[in-house]
Amino acid sequence: MEKDRLKKFKKVLEEELSLLKNELNSVGRINPDNPKDWEAEPDEESVPSADPTDYADEIEEFEGNTAILRELEIRYNNIKKALKNMEKGTYGVCDVCGKEIPEARLTANPAADTCIEHTK
C-alpha cells in the first residue's frame, strides 16, 4: 500500500482509538487483573439502595454499561490490531486469503482485517 494512503488510514485509526478510549473510560475501567480487558464499573457514588426498584434500576444501568463496554472493547481491539498490522507491514491484507483488501472497504472500515468475501 502506498505510504500516503497508509498515513491517512493510520491517522483515522489513531483518532478513533483515542475516542474509543475516552468512551471506554466513561463506562468502565481497565481490569486490574488483565490489562488487555475492560470491565464495567459501578457508579462510585451509588450505594445499594434499600428500595428494590432503585436497586433494580442500578443493576439495569450496570448491565447496560457492560453491553456497551463489550461493543466498544471489540472495536478498540480491532483498531489496535490494525495499527499493529501497519507496524508489521501486513495492513490491508485479508487474514483469510492473503489478498489485498480493497481501498473502498478500508475507507468504510479502516480496521477491516478481511476482504468482503471473508467478512465475519
PDB file of N, CA and C in Angstrom:
ATOM      1  N   MET A   1       0.847  -1.184   0.000  1.00  0.00           N
ATOM      2  CA  MET A   1       0.000   0.000   0.000  1.00  0.00           C
ATOM      3  C   MET A   1       0.888   1.241   0.000  1.00  0.00           C
ATOM      4  N   GLU A   2       0.482   2.209  -0.757  1.00  0.00           N
ATOM      5  CA  GLU A   2       1.202   3.463  -0.904  1.00  0.00           C
ATOM      6  C   GLU A   2       1.290   4.196   0.448  1.00  0.00           C
ATOM      7  N   LYS A   3       2.447   4.839   0.707  1.00  0.00           N
ATOM      8  CA  LYS A   3       2.704   5.481   2.001  1.00  0.00           C
ATOM      9  C   LYS A   3       1.677   6.549   2.369  1.00  0.00           C
ATOM     10  N   ASP A   4       1.249   7.352   1.404  1.00  0.00           N
ATOM     11  CA  ASP A   4       0.277   8.413   1.702  1.00  0.00           C
ATOM     12  C   ASP A   4      -1.056   7.833   2.170  1.00  0.00           C
ATOM     13  N   ARG A   5      -1.503   6.789   1.517  1.00  0.00           N
ATOM     14  CA  ARG A   5      -2.768   6.152   1.916  1.00  0.00           C
ATOM     15  C   ARG A   5      -2.616   5.499   3.288  1.00  0.00           C
ATOM     16  N   LEU A   6      -1.470   4.882   3.519  1.00  0.00           N
ATOM     17  CA  LEU A   6      -1.211   4.253   4.803  1.00  0.00           C
ATOM     18  C   LEU A   6      -1.225   5.295   5.925  1.00  0.00           C
ATOM     19  N   LYS A   7      -0.615   6.437   5.683  1.00  0.00           N
ATOM     20  CA  LYS A   7      -0.619   7.524   6.679  1.00  0.00           C
ATOM     21  C   LYS A   7      -2.043   8.004   6.960  1.00  0.00           C
ATOM     22  N   LYS A   8      -2.826   8.108   5.898  1.00  0.00           N
ATOM     23  CA  LYS A   8      -4.214   8.555   6.039  1.00  0.00           C
ATOM     24  C   LYS A   8      -4.995   7.584   6.932  1.00  0.00           C
ATOM     25  N   PHE A   9      -4.866   6.300   6.653  1.00  0.00           N
ATOM     26  CA  PHE A   9      -5.578   5.294   7.450  1.00  0.00           C
ATOM     27  C   PHE A   9      -5.063   5.258   8.887  1.00  0.00           C
ATOM     28  N   LYS A  10      -3.764   5.426   9.050  1.00  0.00           N
ATOM     29  CA  LYS A  10      -3.186   5.417  10.407  1.00  0.00           C
ATOM     30  C   LYS A  10      -3.744   6.575  11.226  1.00  0.00           C
ATOM     31  N   LYS A  11      -3.841   7.739  10.611  1.00  0.00           N
ATOM     32  CA  LYS A  11      -4.374   8.905  11.317  1.00  0.00           C
ATOM     33  C   LYS A  11      -5.837   8.663  11.727  1.00  0.00           C
ATOM     34  N   VAL A  12      -6.627   8.126  10.824  1.00  0.00           N
ATOM     35  CA  VAL A  12      -8.040   7.834  11.111  1.00  0.00           C
ATOM     36  C   VAL A  12      -8.144   6.827  12.260  1.00  0.00           C
ATOM     37  N   LEU A  13      -7.333   5.774  12.197  1.00  0.00           N
ATOM     38  CA  LEU A  13      -7.363   4.744  13.236  1.00  0.00           C
ATOM     39  C   LEU A  13      -6.937   5.307  14.595  1.00  0.00           C
ATOM     40  N   GLU A  14      -5.886   6.111  14.614  1.00  0.00           N
ATOM     41  CA  GLU A  14      -5.410   6.681  15.876  1.00  0.00           C
ATOM     42  C   GLU A  14      -6.439   7.622  16.489  1.00  0.00           C
ATOM     43  N   GLU A  15      -7.121   8.404  15.644  1.00  0.00           N
ATOM     44  CA  GLU A  15      -8.161   9.306  16.151  1.00  0.00           C
ATOM     45  C   GLU A  15      -9.332   8.510  16.732  1.00  0.00           C
ATOM     46  N   GLU A  16      -9.744   7.459  16.026  1.00  0.00           N
ATOM     47  CA  GLU A  16     -10.851   6.645  16.518  1.00  0.00           C
ATOM     48  C   GLU A  16     -10.451   5.911  17.799  1.00  0.00           C
ATOM     49  N   LEU A  17      -9.215   5.451  17.872  1.00  0.00           N
ATOM     50  CA  LEU A  17      -8.731   4.767  19.068  1.00  0.00           C
ATOM     51  C   LEU A  17      -8.806   5.696  20.287  1.00  0.00           C
ATOM     52  N   SER A  18      -8.425   6.928  20.092  1.00  0.00           N
ATOM     53  CA  SER A  18      -8.482   7.915  21.178  1.00  0.00           C
ATOM     54  C   SER A  18      -9.922   8.150  21.632  1.00  0.00           C
ATOM     55  N   LEU A  19     -10.827   8.304  20.682  1.00  0.00           N
ATOM     56  CA  LEU A  19     -12.242   8.488  21.024  1.00  0.00           C
ATOM     57  C   LEU A  19     -12.800   7.277  21.762  1.00  0.00           C
ATOM     58  N   LEU A  20     -12.462   6.093  21.279  1.00  0.00           N
ATOM     59  CA  LEU A  20     -12.937   4.872  21.919  1.00  0.00           C
ATOM     60  C   LEU A  20     -12.405   4.737  23.342  1.00  0.00           C
ATOM     61  N   LYS A  21     -11.150   5.093  23.527  1.00  0.00           N
ATOM     62  CA  LYS A  21     -10.569   5.011  24.875  1.00  0.00           C
ATOM     63  C   LYS A  21     -11.325   5.928  25.831  1.00  0.00           C
ATOM     64  N   ASN A  22     -11.666   7.127  25.379  1.00  0.00           N
ATOM     65  CA  ASN A  22     -12.447   8.047  26.205  1.00  0.00           C
ATOM     66  C   ASN A  22     -13.827   7.466  26.519  1.00  0.00           C
ATOM     67  N   GLU A  23     -14.459   6.872  25.513  1.00  0.00           N
ATOM     68  CA  GLU A  23     -15.774   6.269  25.732  1.00  0.00           C
ATOM     69  C   GLU A  23     -15.683   5.078  26.678  1.00  0.00           C
ATOM     70  N   LEU A  24     -14.652   4.259  26.498  1.00  0.00           N
ATOM     71  CA  LEU A  24     -14.462   3.116  27.384  1.00  0.00           C
ATOM     72  C   LEU A  24     -14.266   3.577  28.828  1.00  0.00           C
ATOM     73  N   ASN A  25     -13.483   4.620  29.008  1.00  0.00           N
ATOM     74  CA  ASN A  25     -13.250   5.146  30.356  1.00  0.00           C
ATOM     75  C   ASN A  25     -14.518   5.721  30.978  1.00  0.00           C
ATOM     76  N   SER A  26     -15.464   6.139  30.152  1.00  0.00           N
ATOM     77  CA  SER A  26     -16.693   6.717  30.691  1.00  0.00           C
ATOM     78  C   SER A  26     -17.659   5.655  31.203  1.00  0.00           C
ATOM     79  N   VAL A  27     -17.515   4.404  30.749  1.00  0.00           N
ATOM     80  CA  VAL A  27     -18.432   3.340  31.192  1.00  0.00           C
ATOM     81  C   VAL A  27     -17.711   2.200  31.914  1.00  0.00           C
ATOM     82  N   GLY A  28     -16.394   2.251  31.980  1.00  0.00           N
ATOM     83  CA  GLY A  28     -15.681   1.163  32.608  1.00  0.00           C
ATOM     84  C   GLY A  28     -14.260   1.536  32.964  1.00  0.00           C
ATOM     85  N   ARG A  29     -13.481   0.500  33.226  1.00  0.00           N
ATOM     86  CA  ARG A  29     -12.076   0.691  33.570  1.00  0.00           C
ATOM     87  C   ARG A  29     -11.302  -0.521  33.078  1.00  0.00           C
ATOM     88  N   ILE A  30      -9.982  -0.366  33.006  1.00  0.00           N
ATOM     89  CA  ILE A  30      -9.138  -1.494  32.636  1.00  0.00           C
ATOM     90  C   ILE A  30      -9.136  -2.461  33.810  1.00  0.00           C
ATOM     91  N   ASN A  31      -9.335  -3.720  33.516  1.00  0.00           N
ATOM     92  CA  ASN A  31      -9.345  -4.761  34.538  1.00  0.00           C
ATOM     93  C   ASN A  31      -7.952  -4.843  35.163  1.00  0.00           C
ATOM     94  N   PRO A  32      -7.844  -4.621  36.474  1.00  0.00           N
ATOM     95  CA  PRO A  32      -6.514  -4.656  37.104  1.00  0.00           C
ATOM     96  C   PRO A  32      -5.849  -6.035  37.024  1.00  0.00           C
ATOM     97  N   ASP A  33      -6.655  -7.093  36.890  1.00  0.00           N
ATOM     98  CA  ASP A  33      -6.103  -8.440  36.789  1.00  0.00           C
ATOM     99  C   ASP A  33      -5.707  -8.820  35.364  1.00  0.00           C
ATOM    100  N   ASN A  34      -6.217  -8.066  34.373  1.00  0.00           N
ATOM    101  CA  ASN A  34      -5.922  -8.344  32.971  1.00  0.00           C
ATOM    102  C   ASN A  34      -5.931  -7.026  32.212  1.00  0.00           C
ATOM    103  N   PRO A  35      -4.770  -6.376  32.072  1.00  0.00           N
ATOM    104  CA  PRO A  35      -4.714  -5.053  31.438  1.00  0.00           C
ATOM    105  C   PRO A  35      -5.199  -4.999  29.994  1.00  0.00           C
ATOM    106  N   LYS A  36      -5.443  -6.154  29.361  1.00  0.00           N
ATOM    107  CA  LYS A  36      -5.954  -6.169  27.995  1.00  0.00           C
ATOM    108  C   LYS A  36      -7.479  -6.224  27.977  1.00  0.00           C
ATOM    109  N   ASP A  37      -8.083  -6.196  29.162  1.00  0.00           N
ATOM    110  CA  ASP A  37      -9.525  -6.350  29.285  1.00  0.00           C
ATOM    111  C   ASP A  37     -10.122  -5.126  29.982  1.00  0.00           C
ATOM    112  N   TRP A  38     -11.318  -4.779  29.580  1.00  0.00           N
ATOM    113  CA  TRP A  38     -12.060  -3.692  30.218  1.00  0.00           C
ATOM    114  C   TRP A  38     -13.236  -4.314  30.966  1.00  0.00           C
ATOM    115  N   GLU A  39     -13.643  -3.669  32.040  1.00  0.00           N
ATOM    116  CA  GLU A  39     -14.799  -4.144  32.778  1.00  0.00           C
ATOM    117  C   GLU A  39     -15.687  -2.966  33.145  1.00  0.00           C
ATOM    118  N   ALA A  40     -16.982  -3.230  33.177  1.00  0.00           N
ATOM    119  CA  ALA A  40     -17.934  -2.190  33.567  1.00  0.00           C
ATOM    120  C   ALA A  40     -17.677  -1.845  35.026  1.00  0.00           C
ATOM    121  N   GLU A  41     -17.881  -0.595  35.313  1.00  0.00           N
ATOM    122  CA  GLU A  41     -17.618  -0.124  36.662  1.00  0.00           C
ATOM    123  C   GLU A  41     -18.889   0.480  37.231  1.00  0.00           C
ATOM    124  N   PRO A  42     -19.306   0.017  38.408  1.00  0.00           N
ATOM    125  CA  PRO A  42     -20.492   0.625  39.002  1.00  0.00           C
ATOM    126  C   PRO A  42     -20.208   2.064  39.373  1.00  0.00           C
ATOM    127  N   ASP A  43     -21.246   2.863  39.404  1.00  0.00           N
ATOM    128  CA  ASP A  43     -21.136   4.258  39.786  1.00  0.00           C
ATOM    129  C   ASP A  43     -20.620   4.326  41.217  1.00  0.00           C
ATOM    130  N   GLU A  44     -19.463   4.985  41.426  1.00  0.00           N
ATOM    131  CA  GLU A  44     -18.855   5.035  42.757  1.00  0.00           C
ATOM    132  C   GLU A  44     -19.721   5.763  43.768  1.00  0.00           C
ATOM    133  N   GLU A  45     -20.524   6.695  43.312  1.00  0.00           N
ATOM    134  CA  GLU A  45     -21.390   7.430  44.220  1.00  0.00           C
ATOM    135  C   GLU A  45     -22.621   6.620  44.588  1.00  0.00           C
ATOM    136  N   SER A  46     -22.822   5.548  43.862  1.00  0.00           N
ATOM    137  CA  SER A  46     -24.015   4.735  44.063  1.00  0.00           C
ATOM    138  C   SER A  46     -23.801   3.759  45.213  1.00  0.00           C
ATOM    139  N   VAL A  47     -24.695   3.791  46.144  1.00  0.00           N
ATOM    140  CA  VAL A  47     -24.699   2.850  47.258  1.00  0.00           C
ATOM    141  C   VAL A  47     -25.945   2.012  47.079  1.00  0.00           C
ATOM    142  N   PRO A  48     -25.832   0.689  47.217  1.00  0.00           N
ATOM    143  CA  PRO A  48     -27.042  -0.117  47.040  1.00  0.00           C
ATOM    144  C   PRO A  48     -28.188   0.440  47.873  1.00  0.00           C
ATOM    145  N   SER A  49     -29.261   0.636  47.201  1.00  0.00           N
ATOM    146  CA  SER A  49     -30.434   1.241  47.812  1.00  0.00           C
ATOM    147  C   SER A  49     -31.283   0.185  48.502  1.00  0.00           C
ATOM    148  N   ALA A  50     -31.930   0.625  49.579  1.00  0.00           N
ATOM    149  CA  ALA A  50     -32.859  -0.270  50.270  1.00  0.00           C
ATOM    150  C   ALA A  50     -34.123  -0.453  49.440  1.00  0.00           C
ATOM    151  N   ASP A  51     -34.387   0.499  48.574  1.00  0.00           N
ATOM    152  CA  ASP A  51     -35.585   0.425  47.728  1.00  0.00           C
ATOM    153  C   ASP A  51     -35.315  -0.545  46.579  1.00  0.00           C
ATOM    154  N   PRO A  52     -36.071  -1.641  46.508  1.00  0.00           N
ATOM    155  CA  PRO A  52     -35.834  -2.640  45.449  1.00  0.00           C
ATOM    156  C   PRO A  52     -35.928  -2.069  44.037  1.00  0.00           C
ATOM    157  N   THR A  53     -36.787  -1.099  43.816  1.00  0.00           N
ATOM    158  CA  THR A  53     -36.932  -0.506  42.485  1.00  0.00           C
ATOM    159  C   THR A  53     -35.679   0.263  42.113  1.00  0.00           C
ATOM    160  N   ASP A  54     -35.159   1.059  43.046  1.00  0.00           N
ATOM    161  CA  ASP A  54     -33.927   1.805  42.775  1.00  0.00           C
ATOM    162  C   ASP A  54     -32.753   0.859  42.541  1.00  0.00           C
ATOM    163  N   TYR A  55     -32.689  -0.178  43.348  1.00  0.00           N
ATOM    164  CA  TYR A  55     -31.606  -1.150  43.206  1.00  0.00           C
ATOM    165  C   TYR A  55     -31.696  -1.859  41.852  1.00  0.00           C
ATOM    166  N   ALA A  56     -32.880  -2.201  41.429  1.00  0.00           N
ATOM    167  CA  ALA A  56     -33.084  -2.831  40.114  1.00  0.00           C
ATOM    168  C   ALA A  56     -32.644  -1.889  39.001  1.00  0.00           C
ATOM    169  N   ASP A  57     -32.933  -0.598  39.142  1.00  0.00           N
ATOM    170  CA  ASP A  57     -32.501   0.387  38.147  1.00  0.00           C
ATOM    171  C   ASP A  57     -30.976   0.456  38.072  1.00  0.00           C
ATOM    172  N   GLU A  58     -30.326   0.393  39.236  1.00  0.00           N
ATOM    173  CA  GLU A  58     -28.865   0.440  39.278  1.00  0.00           C
ATOM    174  C   GLU A  58     -28.272  -0.784  38.579  1.00  0.00           C
ATOM    175  N   ILE A  59     -28.856  -1.953  38.826  1.00  0.00           N
ATOM    176  CA  ILE A  59     -28.381  -3.187  38.182  1.00  0.00           C
ATOM    177  C   ILE A  59     -28.585  -3.108  36.674  1.00  0.00           C
ATOM    178  N   GLU A  60     -29.729  -2.593  36.264  1.00  0.00           N
ATOM    179  CA  GLU A  60     -30.020  -2.465  34.834  1.00  0.00           C
ATOM    180  C   GLU A  60     -29.024  -1.527  34.158  1.00  0.00           C
ATOM    181  N   GLU A  61     -28.692  -0.427  34.819  1.00  0.00           N
ATOM    182  CA  GLU A  61     -27.722   0.517  34.255  1.00  0.00           C
ATOM    183  C   GLU A  61     -26.349  -0.144  34.133  1.00  0.00           C
ATOM    184  N   PHE A  62     -25.945  -0.879  35.163  1.00  0.00           N
ATOM    185  CA  PHE A  62     -24.665  -1.578  35.143  1.00  0.00           C
ATOM    186  C   PHE A  62     -24.623  -2.589  33.996  1.00  0.00           C
ATOM    187  N   GLU A  63     -25.697  -3.350  33.814  1.00  0.00           N
ATOM    188  CA  GLU A  63     -25.756  -4.329  32.729  1.00  0.00           C
ATOM    189  C   GLU A  63     -25.724  -3.650  31.364  1.00  0.00           C
ATOM    190  N   GLY A  64     -26.389  -2.495  31.256  1.00  0.00           N
ATOM    191  CA  GLY A  64     -26.343  -1.727  30.009  1.00  0.00           C
ATOM    192  C   GLY A  64     -24.935  -1.264  29.705  1.00  0.00           C
ATOM    193  N   ASN A  65     -24.234  -0.804  30.745  1.00  0.00           N
ATOM    194  CA  ASN A  65     -22.845  -0.379  30.561  1.00  0.00           C
ATOM    195  C   ASN A  65     -21.970  -1.551  30.137  1.00  0.00           C
ATOM    196  N   THR A  66     -22.253  -2.728  30.664  1.00  0.00           N
ATOM    197  CA  THR A  66     -21.486  -3.920  30.303  1.00  0.00           C
ATOM    198  C   THR A  66     -21.649  -4.226  28.816  1.00  0.00           C
ATOM    199  N   ALA A  67     -22.862  -4.133  28.317  1.00  0.00           N
ATOM    200  CA  ALA A  67     -23.112  -4.391  26.892  1.00  0.00           C
ATOM    201  C   ALA A  67     -22.432  -3.342  26.013  1.00  0.00           C
ATOM    202  N   ILE A  68     -22.543  -2.097  26.393  1.00  0.00           N
ATOM    203  CA  ILE A  68     -21.891  -1.013  25.641  1.00  0.00           C
ATOM    204  C   ILE A  68     -20.385  -1.216  25.662  1.00  0.00           C
ATOM    205  N   LEU A  69     -19.861  -1.526  26.835  1.00  0.00           N
ATOM    206  CA  LEU A  69     -18.429  -1.733  27.003  1.00  0.00           C
ATOM    207  C   LEU A  69     -17.928  -2.856  26.098  1.00  0.00           C
ATOM    208  N   ARG A  70     -18.680  -3.934  26.007  1.00  0.00           N
ATOM    209  CA  ARG A  70     -18.287  -5.077  25.181  1.00  0.00           C
ATOM    210  C   ARG A  70     -18.128  -4.652  23.718  1.00  0.00           C
ATOM    211  N   GLU A  71     -19.099  -3.898  23.202  1.00  0.00           N
ATOM    212  CA  GLU A  71     -19.028  -3.456  21.802  1.00  0.00           C
ATOM    213  C   GLU A  71     -17.865  -2.492  21.577  1.00  0.00           C
ATOM    214  N   LEU A  72     -17.674  -1.563  22.514  1.00  0.00           N
ATOM    215  CA  LEU A  72     -16.566  -0.618  22.387  1.00  0.00           C
ATOM    216  C   LEU A  72     -15.222  -1.336  22.453  1.00  0.00           C
ATOM    217  N   GLU A  73     -15.134  -2.314  23.340  1.00  0.00           N
ATOM    218  CA  GLU A  73     -13.887  -3.060  23.504  1.00  0.00           C
ATOM    219  C   GLU A  73     -13.540  -3.854  22.244  1.00  0.00           C
ATOM    220  N   ILE A  74     -14.526  -4.435  21.605  1.00  0.00           N
ATOM    221  CA  ILE A  74     -14.290  -5.168  20.356  1.00  0.00           C
ATOM    222  C   ILE A  74     -13.709  -4.228  19.302  1.00  0.00           C
ATOM    223  N   ARG A  75     -14.335  -3.062  19.151  1.00  0.00           N
ATOM    224  CA  ARG A  75     -13.845  -2.091  18.165  1.00  0.00           C
ATOM    225  C   ARG A  75     -12.438  -1.602  18.528  1.00  0.00           C
ATOM    226  N   TYR A  76     -12.230  -1.319  19.796  1.00  0.00           N
ATOM    227  CA  TYR A  76     -10.929  -0.860  20.291  1.00  0.00           C
ATOM    228  C   TYR A  76      -9.844  -1.892  19.944  1.00  0.00           C
ATOM    229  N   ASN A  77     -10.117  -3.163  20.223  1.00  0.00           N
ATOM    230  CA  ASN A  77      -9.140  -4.221  19.944  1.00  0.00           C
ATOM    231  C   ASN A  77      -8.911  -4.402  18.448  1.00  0.00           C
ATOM    232  N   ASN A  78      -9.947  -4.240  17.641  1.00  0.00           N
ATOM    233  CA  ASN A  78      -9.784  -4.325  16.184  1.00  0.00           C
ATOM    234  C   ASN A  78      -8.884  -3.214  15.666  1.00  0.00           C
ATOM    235  N   ILE A  79      -9.032  -2.027  16.221  1.00  0.00           N
ATOM    236  CA  ILE A  79      -8.193  -0.896  15.796  1.00  0.00           C
ATOM    237  C   ILE A  79      -6.753  -1.104  16.244  1.00  0.00           C
ATOM    238  N   LYS A  80      -6.569  -1.583  17.469  1.00  0.00           N
ATOM    239  CA  LYS A  80      -5.207  -1.861  17.950  1.00  0.00           C
ATOM    240  C   LYS A  80      -4.538  -2.904  17.039  1.00  0.00           C
ATOM    241  N   LYS A  81      -5.298  -3.913  16.635  1.00  0.00           N
ATOM    242  CA  LYS A  81      -4.764  -4.941  15.745  1.00  0.00           C
ATOM    243  C   LYS A  81      -4.375  -4.333  14.391  1.00  0.00           C
ATOM    244  N   ALA A  82      -5.224  -3.469  13.852  1.00  0.00           N
ATOM    245  CA  ALA A  82      -4.922  -2.825  12.565  1.00  0.00           C
ATOM    246  C   ALA A  82      -3.638  -1.999  12.661  1.00  0.00           C
ATOM    247  N   LEU A  83      -3.469  -1.269  13.757  1.00  0.00           N
ATOM    248  CA  LEU A  83      -2.250  -0.471  13.935  1.00  0.00           C
ATOM    249  C   LEU A  83      -1.021  -1.365  14.067  1.00  0.00           C
ATOM    250  N   LYS A  84      -1.158  -2.504  14.730  1.00  0.00           N
ATOM    251  CA  LYS A  84      -0.030  -3.448  14.823  1.00  0.00           C
ATOM    252  C   LYS A  84       0.287  -4.025  13.446  1.00  0.00           C
ATOM    253  N   ASN A  85      -0.761  -4.296  12.664  1.00  0.00           N
ATOM    254  CA  ASN A  85      -0.533  -4.791  11.304  1.00  0.00           C
ATOM    255  C   ASN A  85       0.219  -3.770  10.472  1.00  0.00           C
ATOM    256  N   MET A  86      -0.042  -2.491  10.700  1.00  0.00           N
ATOM    257  CA  MET A  86       0.709  -1.448   9.988  1.00  0.00           C
ATOM    258  C   MET A  86       2.188  -1.545  10.332  1.00  0.00           C
ATOM    259  N   GLU A  87       2.481  -1.749  11.619  1.00  0.00           N
ATOM    260  CA  GLU A  87       3.878  -1.863  12.052  1.00  0.00           C
ATOM    261  C   GLU A  87       4.556  -3.078  11.414  1.00  0.00           C
ATOM    262  N   LYS A  88       3.806  -4.177  11.275  1.00  0.00           N
ATOM    263  CA  LYS A  88       4.354  -5.412  10.701  1.00  0.00           C
ATOM    264  C   LYS A  88       4.385  -5.381   9.178  1.00  0.00           C
ATOM    265  N   GLY A  89       3.688  -4.386   8.590  1.00  0.00           N
ATOM    266  CA  GLY A  89       3.646  -4.312   7.127  1.00  0.00           C
ATOM    267  C   GLY A  89       2.580  -5.201   6.514  1.00  0.00           C
ATOM    268  N   THR A  90       1.610  -5.633   7.325  1.00  0.00           N
ATOM    269  CA  THR A  90       0.555  -6.516   6.814  1.00  0.00           C
ATOM    270  C   THR A  90      -0.815  -5.842   6.798  1.00  0.00           C
ATOM    271  N   TYR A  91      -0.852  -4.543   7.011  1.00  0.00           N
ATOM    272  CA  TYR A  91      -2.132  -3.826   6.993  1.00  0.00           C
ATOM    273  C   TYR A  91      -2.709  -3.855   5.581  1.00  0.00           C
ATOM    274  N   GLY A  92      -4.023  -4.068   5.518  1.00  0.00           N
ATOM    275  CA  GLY A  92      -4.701  -4.061   4.223  1.00  0.00           C
ATOM    276  C   GLY A  92      -4.647  -5.394   3.512  1.00  0.00           C
ATOM    277  N   VAL A  93      -4.223  -6.438   4.238  1.00  0.00           N
ATOM    278  CA  VAL A  93      -4.154  -7.779   3.663  1.00  0.00           C
ATOM    279  C   VAL A  93      -5.155  -8.657   4.413  1.00  0.00           C
ATOM    280  N   CYS A  94      -5.979  -9.385   3.680  1.00  0.00           N
ATOM    281  CA  CYS A  94      -7.005 -10.245   4.266  1.00  0.00           C
ATOM    282  C   CYS A  94      -6.360 -11.335   5.123  1.00  0.00           C
ATOM    283  N   ASP A  95      -6.846 -11.474   6.361  1.00  0.00           N
ATOM    284  CA  ASP A  95      -6.344 -12.506   7.272  1.00  0.00           C
ATOM    285  C   ASP A  95      -6.649 -13.915   6.774  1.00  0.00           C
ATOM    286  N   VAL A  96      -7.657 -14.069   5.930  1.00  0.00           N
ATOM    287  CA  VAL A  96      -8.078 -15.397   5.488  1.00  0.00           C
ATOM    288  C   VAL A  96      -7.372 -15.819   4.205  1.00  0.00           C
ATOM    289  N   CYS A  97      -7.469 -14.978   3.177  1.00  0.00           N
ATOM    290  CA  CYS A  97      -6.946 -15.395   1.873  1.00  0.00           C
ATOM    291  C   CYS A  97      -5.615 -14.742   1.497  1.00  0.00           C
ATOM    292  N   GLY A  98      -5.204 -13.720   2.241  1.00  0.00           N
ATOM    293  CA  GLY A  98      -3.927 -13.071   1.966  1.00  0.00           C
ATOM    294  C   GLY A  98      -3.951 -12.072   0.820  1.00  0.00           C
ATOM    295  N   LYS A  99      -5.142 -11.839   0.247  1.00  0.00           N
ATOM    296  CA  LYS A  99      -5.254 -10.864  -0.836  1.00  0.00           C
ATOM    297  C   LYS A  99      -5.400  -9.465  -0.244  1.00  0.00           C
ATOM    298  N   GLU A 100      -5.084  -8.471  -1.076  1.00  0.00           N
ATOM    299  CA  GLU A 100      -5.210  -7.081  -0.645  1.00  0.00           C
ATOM    300  C   GLU A 100      -6.690  -6.723  -0.441  1.00  0.00           C
ATOM    301  N   ILE A 101      -6.963  -6.048   0.667  1.00  0.00           N
ATOM    302  CA  ILE A 101      -8.321  -5.592   0.956  1.00  0.00           C
ATOM    303  C   ILE A 101      -8.562  -4.341   0.121  1.00  0.00           C
ATOM    304  N   PRO A 102      -9.658  -4.276  -0.627  1.00  0.00           N
ATOM    305  CA  PRO A 102      -9.922  -3.106  -1.468  1.00  0.00           C
ATOM    306  C   PRO A 102      -9.961  -1.806  -0.642  1.00  0.00           C
ATOM    307  N   GLU A 103      -9.451  -0.752  -1.247  1.00  0.00           N
ATOM    308  CA  GLU A 103      -9.390   0.542  -0.559  1.00  0.00           C
ATOM    309  C   GLU A 103     -10.778   1.023  -0.132  1.00  0.00           C
ATOM    310  N   ALA A 104     -11.798   0.761  -0.935  1.00  0.00           N
ATOM    311  CA  ALA A 104     -13.156   1.179  -0.578  1.00  0.00           C
ATOM    312  C   ALA A 104     -13.588   0.535   0.743  1.00  0.00           C
ATOM    313  N   ARG A 105     -13.219  -0.714   0.948  1.00  0.00           N
ATOM    314  CA  ARG A 105     -13.560  -1.389   2.213  1.00  0.00           C
ATOM    315  C   ARG A 105     -12.795  -0.767   3.378  1.00  0.00           C
ATOM    316  N   LEU A 106     -11.520  -0.475   3.175  1.00  0.00           N
ATOM    317  CA  LEU A 106     -10.728   0.144   4.234  1.00  0.00           C
ATOM    318  C   LEU A 106     -11.202   1.566   4.530  1.00  0.00           C
ATOM    319  N   THR A 107     -11.701   2.248   3.518  1.00  0.00           N
ATOM    320  CA  THR A 107     -12.247   3.590   3.737  1.00  0.00           C
ATOM    321  C   THR A 107     -13.505   3.495   4.599  1.00  0.00           C
ATOM    322  N   ALA A 108     -14.331   2.497   4.329  1.00  0.00           N
ATOM    323  CA  ALA A 108     -15.560   2.305   5.103  1.00  0.00           C
ATOM    324  C   ALA A 108     -15.249   1.797   6.510  1.00  0.00           C
ATOM    325  N   ASN A 109     -14.234   0.950   6.626  1.00  0.00           N
ATOM    326  CA  ASN A 109     -13.846   0.375   7.919  1.00  0.00           C
ATOM    327  C   ASN A 109     -12.330   0.203   7.932  1.00  0.00           C
ATOM    328  N   PRO A 110     -11.604   1.231   8.390  1.00  0.00           N
ATOM    329  CA  PRO A 110     -10.145   1.165   8.369  1.00  0.00           C
ATOM    330  C   PRO A 110      -9.554   0.027   9.203  1.00  0.00           C
ATOM    331  N   ALA A 111     -10.343  -0.546  10.099  1.00  0.00           N
ATOM    332  CA  ALA A 111      -9.852  -1.657  10.926  1.00  0.00           C
ATOM    333  C   ALA A 111     -10.184  -3.024  10.321  1.00  0.00           C
ATOM    334  N   ALA A 112     -10.724  -3.043   9.113  1.00  0.00           N
ATOM    335  CA  ALA A 112     -11.089  -4.316   8.482  1.00  0.00           C
ATOM    336  C   ALA A 112      -9.856  -5.206   8.364  1.00  0.00           C
ATOM    337  N   ASP A 113     -10.040  -6.474   8.733  1.00  0.00           N
ATOM    338  CA  ASP A 113      -8.923  -7.409   8.624  1.00  0.00           C
ATOM    339  C   ASP A 113      -9.199  -8.536   7.629  1.00  0.00           C
ATOM    340  N   THR A 114     -10.337  -8.421   6.949  1.00  0.00           N
ATOM    341  CA  THR A 114     -10.670  -9.384   5.902  1.00  0.00           C
ATOM    342  C   THR A 114     -11.262  -8.649   4.703  1.00  0.00           C
ATOM    343  N   CYS A 115     -11.178  -9.298   3.548  1.00  0.00           N
ATOM    344  CA  CYS A 115     -11.840  -8.756   2.370  1.00  0.00           C
ATOM    345  C   CYS A 115     -13.331  -9.018   2.515  1.00  0.00           C
ATOM    346  N   ILE A 116     -14.129  -8.430   1.654  1.00  0.00           N
ATOM    347  CA  ILE A 116     -15.591  -8.571   1.730  1.00  0.00           C
ATOM    348  C   ILE A 116     -15.977 -10.054   1.682  1.00  0.00           C
ATOM    349  N   GLU A 117     -15.301 -10.804   0.849  1.00  0.00           N
ATOM    350  CA  GLU A 117     -15.619 -12.224   0.683  1.00  0.00           C
ATOM    351  C   GLU A 117     -15.500 -13.006   1.995  1.00  0.00           C
ATOM    352  N   HIS A 118     -14.597 -12.568   2.871  1.00  0.00           N
ATOM    353  CA  HIS A 118     -14.347 -13.295   4.123  1.00  0.00           C
ATOM    354  C   HIS A 118     -14.809 -12.528   5.371  1.00  0.00           C
ATOM    355  N   THR A 119     -15.745 -11.631   5.161  1.00  0.00           N
ATOM    356  CA  THR A 119     -16.276 -10.881   6.291  1.00  0.00           C
ATOM    357  C   THR A 119     -16.944 -11.834   7.271  1.00  0.00           C
ATOM    358  N   LYS A 120     -16.679 -11.571   8.513  1.00  0.00           N
ATOM    359  CA  LYS A 120     -17.221 -12.438   9.587  1.00  0.00           C
ATOM    360  C   LYS A 120     -18.685 -12.225   9.794  1.00  0.00           C
TER     361      LYS A 120
END
